[in-house]
N, C-alpha and C. Protein backbone atom coordinates (compact mmCIF):
# COMPACT_ATOMS: atom_id res chain seq x y z
N MET A 1 55.44 167.04 -88.63
CA MET A 1 54.22 166.39 -89.05
C MET A 1 54.29 166.04 -90.53
N LYS A 2 54.94 166.91 -91.33
CA LYS A 2 55.08 166.61 -92.75
C LYS A 2 55.92 165.36 -92.95
N CYS A 3 56.97 165.20 -92.12
CA CYS A 3 57.80 164.00 -92.20
C CYS A 3 56.98 162.76 -91.87
N THR A 4 56.13 162.86 -90.88
CA THR A 4 55.28 161.74 -90.49
C THR A 4 54.37 161.34 -91.64
N LEU A 5 53.76 162.32 -92.27
CA LEU A 5 52.87 162.03 -93.40
C LEU A 5 53.65 161.43 -94.57
N LEU A 6 54.86 161.92 -94.81
CA LEU A 6 55.67 161.38 -95.89
C LEU A 6 56.06 159.93 -95.61
N LEU A 7 56.49 159.64 -94.37
CA LEU A 7 56.82 158.26 -94.01
C LEU A 7 55.60 157.35 -94.15
N ALA A 8 54.46 157.83 -93.69
CA ALA A 8 53.25 157.03 -93.78
C ALA A 8 52.90 156.75 -95.24
N PHE A 9 53.03 157.75 -96.10
CA PHE A 9 52.72 157.56 -97.51
C PHE A 9 53.68 156.56 -98.16
N LEU A 10 54.97 156.68 -97.83
CA LEU A 10 55.95 155.76 -98.41
C LEU A 10 55.65 154.32 -98.02
N PHE A 11 55.30 154.08 -96.77
CA PHE A 11 55.02 152.72 -96.35
C PHE A 11 53.67 152.23 -96.86
N LEU A 12 52.75 153.15 -97.13
CA LEU A 12 51.48 152.72 -97.71
C LEU A 12 51.67 152.23 -99.14
N THR A 13 52.69 152.73 -99.83
CA THR A 13 52.90 152.35 -101.21
C THR A 13 53.84 151.17 -101.37
N VAL A 14 54.48 150.74 -100.30
CA VAL A 14 55.41 149.62 -100.38
C VAL A 14 54.63 148.32 -100.43
N HIS A 15 55.07 147.40 -101.28
CA HIS A 15 54.45 146.09 -101.34
C HIS A 15 55.53 145.04 -101.28
N ASP A 16 55.47 144.16 -100.32
CA ASP A 16 56.44 143.09 -100.17
C ASP A 16 55.93 141.87 -100.93
N ALA A 17 56.57 141.57 -102.06
CA ALA A 17 56.12 140.48 -102.92
C ALA A 17 56.40 139.10 -102.32
N THR A 18 57.25 139.03 -101.29
CA THR A 18 57.59 137.72 -100.73
C THR A 18 56.53 137.19 -99.79
N VAL A 19 55.65 138.03 -99.32
CA VAL A 19 54.59 137.61 -98.40
C VAL A 19 53.25 137.76 -99.12
N ALA A 20 52.47 136.72 -99.06
CA ALA A 20 51.15 136.77 -99.70
C ALA A 20 50.31 137.86 -99.04
N ALA A 21 49.74 138.71 -99.85
CA ALA A 21 48.92 139.81 -99.34
C ALA A 21 47.61 139.26 -98.80
N THR A 22 47.18 139.82 -97.70
CA THR A 22 45.89 139.47 -97.14
C THR A 22 44.96 140.66 -97.28
N LYS A 23 43.72 140.45 -96.93
CA LYS A 23 42.76 141.56 -97.01
C LYS A 23 43.07 142.63 -95.97
N TRP A 24 43.92 142.32 -94.99
CA TRP A 24 44.24 143.26 -93.92
C TRP A 24 45.40 144.18 -94.25
N VAL A 25 46.16 143.93 -95.31
CA VAL A 25 47.38 144.70 -95.58
C VAL A 25 47.10 146.19 -95.64
N TRP A 26 46.14 146.59 -96.47
CA TRP A 26 45.87 148.02 -96.62
C TRP A 26 45.21 148.60 -95.37
N MET A 27 44.45 147.79 -94.67
CA MET A 27 43.86 148.26 -93.42
C MET A 27 44.96 148.49 -92.38
N ARG A 28 45.94 147.57 -92.33
CA ARG A 28 47.07 147.73 -91.40
C ARG A 28 47.85 148.98 -91.73
N ARG A 29 48.13 149.19 -93.00
CA ARG A 29 48.90 150.37 -93.40
C ARG A 29 48.14 151.66 -93.12
N ALA A 30 46.84 151.65 -93.35
CA ALA A 30 46.03 152.84 -93.05
C ALA A 30 45.97 153.11 -91.55
N ALA A 31 45.86 152.06 -90.75
CA ALA A 31 45.82 152.23 -89.30
C ALA A 31 47.16 152.75 -88.79
N THR A 32 48.25 152.27 -89.35
CA THR A 32 49.57 152.76 -88.95
C THR A 32 49.75 154.22 -89.34
N ALA A 33 49.31 154.58 -90.53
CA ALA A 33 49.38 155.98 -90.95
C ALA A 33 48.53 156.86 -90.03
N ALA A 34 47.35 156.38 -89.65
CA ALA A 34 46.49 157.14 -88.74
C ALA A 34 47.16 157.32 -87.38
N ALA A 35 47.85 156.29 -86.89
CA ALA A 35 48.55 156.40 -85.61
C ALA A 35 49.68 157.43 -85.70
N CYS A 36 50.39 157.47 -86.83
CA CYS A 36 51.46 158.44 -87.01
C CYS A 36 50.91 159.87 -87.07
N VAL A 37 49.82 160.06 -87.76
CA VAL A 37 49.20 161.38 -87.84
C VAL A 37 48.68 161.80 -86.45
N ALA A 38 48.09 160.86 -85.72
CA ALA A 38 47.59 161.16 -84.37
C ALA A 38 48.76 161.52 -83.44
N ALA A 39 49.91 160.87 -83.62
CA ALA A 39 51.10 161.21 -82.81
C ALA A 39 51.53 162.64 -83.11
N GLY A 40 51.49 163.02 -84.37
CA GLY A 40 51.81 164.40 -84.74
C GLY A 40 50.83 165.39 -84.13
N ALA A 41 49.55 165.03 -84.12
CA ALA A 41 48.53 165.90 -83.51
C ALA A 41 48.78 166.05 -82.01
N ASP A 42 49.19 164.97 -81.36
CA ASP A 42 49.50 165.04 -79.93
C ASP A 42 50.66 166.00 -79.69
N ALA A 43 51.70 165.92 -80.52
CA ALA A 43 52.85 166.81 -80.36
C ALA A 43 52.46 168.27 -80.57
N VAL A 44 51.64 168.53 -81.59
CA VAL A 44 51.21 169.90 -81.88
C VAL A 44 50.36 170.45 -80.74
N THR A 45 49.42 169.67 -80.23
CA THR A 45 48.57 170.17 -79.15
C THR A 45 49.35 170.29 -77.84
N THR A 46 50.34 169.43 -77.63
CA THR A 46 51.19 169.57 -76.44
C THR A 46 51.95 170.89 -76.50
N HIS A 47 52.50 171.19 -77.64
CA HIS A 47 53.22 172.46 -77.81
C HIS A 47 52.27 173.64 -77.60
N GLY A 48 51.06 173.52 -78.13
CA GLY A 48 50.08 174.60 -77.99
C GLY A 48 49.69 174.86 -76.55
N PHE A 49 49.44 173.80 -75.78
CA PHE A 49 49.05 174.04 -74.39
C PHE A 49 50.22 174.55 -73.58
N ALA A 50 51.43 174.16 -73.92
CA ALA A 50 52.61 174.68 -73.21
C ALA A 50 52.80 176.16 -73.49
N GLN A 51 52.49 176.59 -74.71
CA GLN A 51 52.60 178.01 -75.06
C GLN A 51 51.63 178.86 -74.25
N ARG A 52 50.51 178.26 -73.85
CA ARG A 52 49.51 178.99 -73.06
C ARG A 52 49.75 178.87 -71.56
N GLY A 53 50.88 178.28 -71.16
CA GLY A 53 51.25 178.26 -69.75
C GLY A 53 50.84 177.02 -68.98
N ALA A 54 50.27 176.03 -69.63
CA ALA A 54 49.89 174.80 -68.92
C ALA A 54 51.14 173.98 -68.59
N VAL A 55 50.98 173.03 -67.67
CA VAL A 55 52.09 172.20 -67.21
C VAL A 55 51.90 170.77 -67.72
N GLU A 56 53.00 170.17 -68.19
CA GLU A 56 52.97 168.77 -68.64
C GLU A 56 52.84 167.86 -67.43
N LEU A 57 51.90 166.93 -67.47
CA LEU A 57 51.69 166.01 -66.35
C LEU A 57 52.49 164.72 -66.46
N ASN A 58 52.84 164.32 -67.67
CA ASN A 58 53.59 163.08 -67.86
C ASN A 58 55.04 163.28 -67.39
N PRO A 59 55.47 162.56 -66.35
CA PRO A 59 56.83 162.78 -65.83
C PRO A 59 57.93 162.43 -66.83
N LEU A 60 57.65 161.58 -67.79
CA LEU A 60 58.65 161.24 -68.80
C LEU A 60 58.98 162.45 -69.67
N TYR A 61 57.99 163.25 -69.97
CA TYR A 61 58.17 164.39 -70.87
C TYR A 61 58.27 165.73 -70.15
N ARG A 62 58.18 165.76 -68.85
CA ARG A 62 58.16 167.01 -68.09
C ARG A 62 59.56 167.41 -67.67
N SER A 63 59.90 168.68 -67.89
CA SER A 63 61.16 169.21 -67.39
C SER A 63 60.98 169.59 -65.93
N SER A 64 62.06 170.02 -65.29
CA SER A 64 61.95 170.37 -63.86
C SER A 64 61.02 171.56 -63.64
N GLY A 65 60.85 172.41 -64.66
CA GLY A 65 59.95 173.55 -64.55
C GLY A 65 58.52 173.25 -64.93
N GLY A 66 58.23 172.02 -65.33
CA GLY A 66 56.88 171.63 -65.69
C GLY A 66 56.56 171.76 -67.17
N GLN A 67 57.48 172.32 -67.95
CA GLN A 67 57.27 172.46 -69.38
C GLN A 67 57.59 171.15 -70.09
N PRO A 68 56.91 170.86 -71.19
CA PRO A 68 57.21 169.61 -71.90
C PRO A 68 58.57 169.68 -72.57
N ARG A 69 59.25 168.55 -72.58
CA ARG A 69 60.52 168.42 -73.29
C ARG A 69 60.17 167.98 -74.72
N MET A 70 59.99 168.97 -75.60
CA MET A 70 59.46 168.71 -76.94
C MET A 70 60.37 167.83 -77.77
N GLY A 71 61.67 167.97 -77.62
CA GLY A 71 62.59 167.12 -78.37
C GLY A 71 62.40 165.65 -78.04
N LEU A 72 62.28 165.36 -76.76
CA LEU A 72 62.05 163.98 -76.32
C LEU A 72 60.68 163.49 -76.78
N LEU A 73 59.68 164.34 -76.66
CA LEU A 73 58.32 163.97 -77.08
C LEU A 73 58.28 163.65 -78.57
N ILE A 74 58.82 164.52 -79.39
CA ILE A 74 58.81 164.31 -80.84
C ILE A 74 59.66 163.10 -81.20
N GLY A 75 60.81 162.95 -80.56
CA GLY A 75 61.67 161.80 -80.82
C GLY A 75 61.00 160.48 -80.47
N THR A 76 60.33 160.44 -79.33
CA THR A 76 59.63 159.23 -78.91
C THR A 76 58.48 158.90 -79.87
N HIS A 77 57.70 159.92 -80.22
CA HIS A 77 56.58 159.70 -81.14
C HIS A 77 57.08 159.23 -82.51
N THR A 78 58.18 159.82 -82.98
CA THR A 78 58.75 159.42 -84.27
C THR A 78 59.26 157.99 -84.22
N ALA A 79 59.92 157.63 -83.11
CA ALA A 79 60.44 156.27 -82.97
C ALA A 79 59.31 155.24 -82.91
N VAL A 80 58.25 155.55 -82.20
CA VAL A 80 57.11 154.64 -82.13
C VAL A 80 56.46 154.50 -83.50
N CYS A 81 56.32 155.60 -84.22
CA CYS A 81 55.75 155.57 -85.56
C CYS A 81 56.61 154.73 -86.50
N ALA A 82 57.90 155.02 -86.52
CA ALA A 82 58.81 154.27 -87.40
C ALA A 82 58.86 152.80 -87.01
N GLY A 83 58.88 152.53 -85.72
CA GLY A 83 58.89 151.14 -85.26
C GLY A 83 57.64 150.38 -85.68
N SER A 84 56.50 151.06 -85.59
CA SER A 84 55.24 150.43 -86.02
C SER A 84 55.24 150.15 -87.51
N LEU A 85 55.74 151.10 -88.28
CA LEU A 85 55.79 150.92 -89.73
C LEU A 85 56.70 149.76 -90.10
N ILE A 86 57.89 149.74 -89.52
CA ILE A 86 58.86 148.69 -89.84
C ILE A 86 58.38 147.33 -89.34
N ALA A 87 57.89 147.29 -88.12
CA ALA A 87 57.41 146.02 -87.56
C ALA A 87 56.28 145.44 -88.40
N GLY A 88 55.34 146.29 -88.80
CA GLY A 88 54.22 145.82 -89.60
C GLY A 88 54.64 145.26 -90.95
N GLU A 89 55.69 145.84 -91.52
CA GLU A 89 56.15 145.38 -92.83
C GLU A 89 57.10 144.20 -92.75
N LYS A 90 57.91 144.12 -91.71
CA LYS A 90 58.97 143.12 -91.66
C LYS A 90 58.70 141.94 -90.73
N LEU A 91 57.95 142.13 -89.67
CA LEU A 91 57.67 141.04 -88.72
C LEU A 91 56.35 140.39 -89.10
N ARG A 92 56.42 139.51 -90.06
CA ARG A 92 55.22 138.89 -90.60
C ARG A 92 55.06 137.48 -90.08
N PHE A 93 53.87 137.13 -89.69
CA PHE A 93 53.51 135.78 -89.27
C PHE A 93 52.03 135.61 -89.56
N ARG A 94 51.54 134.40 -89.38
CA ARG A 94 50.12 134.15 -89.68
C ARG A 94 49.24 135.03 -88.79
N GLY A 95 48.43 135.83 -89.40
CA GLY A 95 47.54 136.72 -88.66
C GLY A 95 48.20 138.03 -88.25
N SER A 96 49.42 138.28 -88.71
CA SER A 96 50.14 139.47 -88.26
C SER A 96 49.48 140.77 -88.71
N ASP A 97 48.86 140.77 -89.88
CA ASP A 97 48.20 141.99 -90.34
C ASP A 97 47.10 142.43 -89.38
N ALA A 98 46.32 141.47 -88.91
CA ALA A 98 45.25 141.80 -87.96
C ALA A 98 45.84 142.28 -86.63
N VAL A 99 46.92 141.66 -86.19
CA VAL A 99 47.57 142.06 -84.93
C VAL A 99 48.11 143.47 -85.04
N TRP A 100 48.84 143.75 -86.13
CA TRP A 100 49.42 145.10 -86.30
C TRP A 100 48.34 146.14 -86.54
N THR A 101 47.24 145.76 -87.18
CA THR A 101 46.13 146.70 -87.36
C THR A 101 45.54 147.08 -86.01
N ALA A 102 45.32 146.09 -85.16
CA ALA A 102 44.77 146.35 -83.82
C ALA A 102 45.74 147.19 -82.99
N THR A 103 47.03 146.88 -83.08
CA THR A 103 48.03 147.64 -82.32
C THR A 103 48.06 149.10 -82.76
N SER A 104 48.08 149.33 -84.06
CA SER A 104 48.11 150.70 -84.58
C SER A 104 46.83 151.45 -84.26
N THR A 105 45.71 150.77 -84.29
CA THR A 105 44.44 151.41 -83.94
C THR A 105 44.43 151.82 -82.47
N ALA A 106 44.96 150.96 -81.61
CA ALA A 106 45.05 151.29 -80.19
C ALA A 106 46.00 152.48 -79.96
N LEU A 107 47.12 152.51 -80.67
CA LEU A 107 48.04 153.65 -80.57
C LEU A 107 47.36 154.94 -81.01
N ALA A 108 46.66 154.87 -82.14
CA ALA A 108 45.96 156.06 -82.64
C ALA A 108 44.93 156.55 -81.63
N ALA A 109 44.22 155.63 -81.01
CA ALA A 109 43.21 156.02 -80.02
C ALA A 109 43.85 156.71 -78.82
N GLN A 110 44.99 156.19 -78.36
CA GLN A 110 45.67 156.80 -77.21
C GLN A 110 46.20 158.19 -77.56
N TYR A 111 46.79 158.33 -78.75
CA TYR A 111 47.29 159.64 -79.16
C TYR A 111 46.15 160.64 -79.34
N LEU A 112 45.02 160.20 -79.88
CA LEU A 112 43.88 161.10 -80.04
C LEU A 112 43.29 161.48 -78.69
N LYS A 113 43.29 160.54 -77.76
CA LYS A 113 42.82 160.84 -76.40
C LYS A 113 43.72 161.91 -75.76
N ALA A 114 45.03 161.78 -75.94
CA ALA A 114 45.96 162.76 -75.39
C ALA A 114 45.77 164.12 -76.07
N SER A 115 45.57 164.12 -77.38
CA SER A 115 45.34 165.37 -78.11
C SER A 115 44.07 166.07 -77.64
N ALA A 116 43.02 165.28 -77.42
CA ALA A 116 41.77 165.87 -76.93
C ALA A 116 41.95 166.46 -75.54
N ALA A 117 42.69 165.75 -74.68
CA ALA A 117 42.95 166.28 -73.34
C ALA A 117 43.77 167.56 -73.41
N ASN A 118 44.76 167.59 -74.30
CA ASN A 118 45.57 168.81 -74.47
C ASN A 118 44.73 169.98 -74.95
N THR A 119 43.80 169.70 -75.83
CA THR A 119 42.93 170.76 -76.36
C THR A 119 42.03 171.31 -75.27
N ARG A 120 41.50 170.41 -74.43
CA ARG A 120 40.62 170.85 -73.32
C ARG A 120 41.40 171.69 -72.33
N VAL A 121 42.64 171.31 -72.03
CA VAL A 121 43.47 172.05 -71.07
C VAL A 121 43.78 173.43 -71.59
N GLY A 122 43.98 173.53 -72.90
CA GLY A 122 44.36 174.80 -73.48
C GLY A 122 43.26 175.83 -73.56
N ARG A 123 42.04 175.47 -73.29
CA ARG A 123 40.93 176.43 -73.41
C ARG A 123 40.82 177.30 -72.21
């Protein structure tokens, strides 16, 4: 999670002088950082519910015994976070800041939904 926060901070401070800044740039970067933090929260709550004996329902992350495959989960979340950060900074087109802001906001919402479900299961 500390790595996620560090990556998010580094990309929040980067400014690409070749592309004209729009009013959405900082909103896009904040939304991407929020999605990365939410991904970390999902990983932490997944680990927590597995420690209490719950079973992972997502077949992509479930081992044959029902326990989450944490390496795959963390790797996937890190790749999605890094991909979002890089795509938002490098794949620029007219209106791209608004598109990447919406994409990152949707990712953050899904990760927070998963974290909330994990928290409910763990009680």
